[in-house]
């Protein structure tokens, strides 16, 4: 294999890795991976009325904070 090909492959892989890392960090900053509370809190509510009430309470918290 030619050294030019190796350098090109190395450069492309580093760029792709950097792009993947930036997308992952962007997702962390945007709180894309913070679903653990939603899943645990959903176990506490049984009926549709309880879920609607929980949604209203969450919206109030967002407005306040």
Protein backbone atom coordinates (compact mmCIF):
# COMPACT_ATOMS: atom_id res chain seq x y z
CA UNK A 1 0.00 0.00 0.00
CA UNK A 2 1.23 3.46 -0.80
CA UNK A 3 1.91 5.91 1.99
CA UNK A 4 -0.37 8.47 0.34
CA UNK A 5 -3.27 6.05 0.61
CA UNK A 6 -2.49 5.40 4.27
CA UNK A 7 -2.35 9.11 5.06
CA UNK A 8 -5.63 9.69 3.23
CA UNK A 9 -7.32 6.86 5.14
CA UNK A 10 -5.94 8.17 8.44
CA UNK A 11 -7.10 11.71 7.68
CA UNK A 12 -10.60 10.59 6.68
CA UNK A 13 -10.98 8.37 9.75
CA UNK A 14 -9.86 11.18 12.06
CA UNK A 15 -12.33 13.59 10.47
CA UNK A 16 -15.18 11.07 10.77
CA UNK A 17 -14.27 10.36 14.39
CA UNK A 18 -14.20 14.07 15.19
CA UNK A 19 -17.59 14.59 13.53
CA UNK A 20 -19.04 11.69 15.54
CA UNK A 21 -17.62 13.09 18.77
CA UNK A 22 -19.03 16.55 18.05
CA UNK A 23 -22.48 15.11 17.31
CA UNK A 24 -22.36 13.11 20.55
CA UNK A 25 -21.35 16.18 22.58
CA UNK A 26 -24.10 18.19 20.89
CA UNK A 27 -26.59 15.52 21.95
CA UNK A 28 -25.33 15.65 25.53
CA UNK A 29 -25.61 19.42 25.61
CA UNK A 30 -29.15 19.25 24.22
CA UNK A 31 -30.08 16.71 26.93
CA UNK A 32 -30.97 14.01 24.39
CA UNK A 33 -29.88 11.30 26.83
CA UNK A 34 -31.79 12.44 29.93
CA UNK A 35 -34.72 10.04 29.61
CA UNK A 36 -34.09 8.02 32.78
CA UNK A 37 -36.31 10.28 34.89
CA UNK A 38 -39.15 10.16 32.39
CA UNK A 39 -39.13 6.38 32.38
CA UNK A 40 -39.01 6.11 36.17
CA UNK A 41 -41.68 8.75 36.74
CA UNK A 42 -44.00 7.13 34.22
CA UNK A 43 -44.19 4.06 36.44
CA UNK A 44 -45.81 6.12 39.20
CA UNK A 45 -48.90 7.09 37.19
CA UNK A 46 -51.59 4.61 36.25
CA UNK A 47 -54.43 6.26 34.35
CA UNK A 48 -54.66 8.85 31.59
CA UNK A 49 -55.88 11.49 34.05
CA UNK A 50 -52.77 11.01 36.17
CA UNK A 51 -50.57 11.29 33.09
CA UNK A 52 -52.27 14.50 31.98
CA UNK A 53 -51.84 15.95 35.46
CA UNK A 54 -48.16 15.00 35.46
CA UNK A 55 -47.70 16.64 32.08
CA UNK A 56 -49.30 19.85 33.33
CA UNK A 57 -47.07 19.83 36.41
CA UNK A 58 -43.97 19.34 34.23
CA UNK A 59 -44.97 22.24 32.00
CA UNK A 60 -45.43 24.45 35.07
CA UNK A 61 -41.95 23.49 36.28
CA UNK A 62 -40.50 24.42 32.90
CA UNK A 63 -42.22 27.79 32.95
CA UNK A 64 -40.97 28.54 36.47
CA UNK A 65 -37.42 27.35 35.94
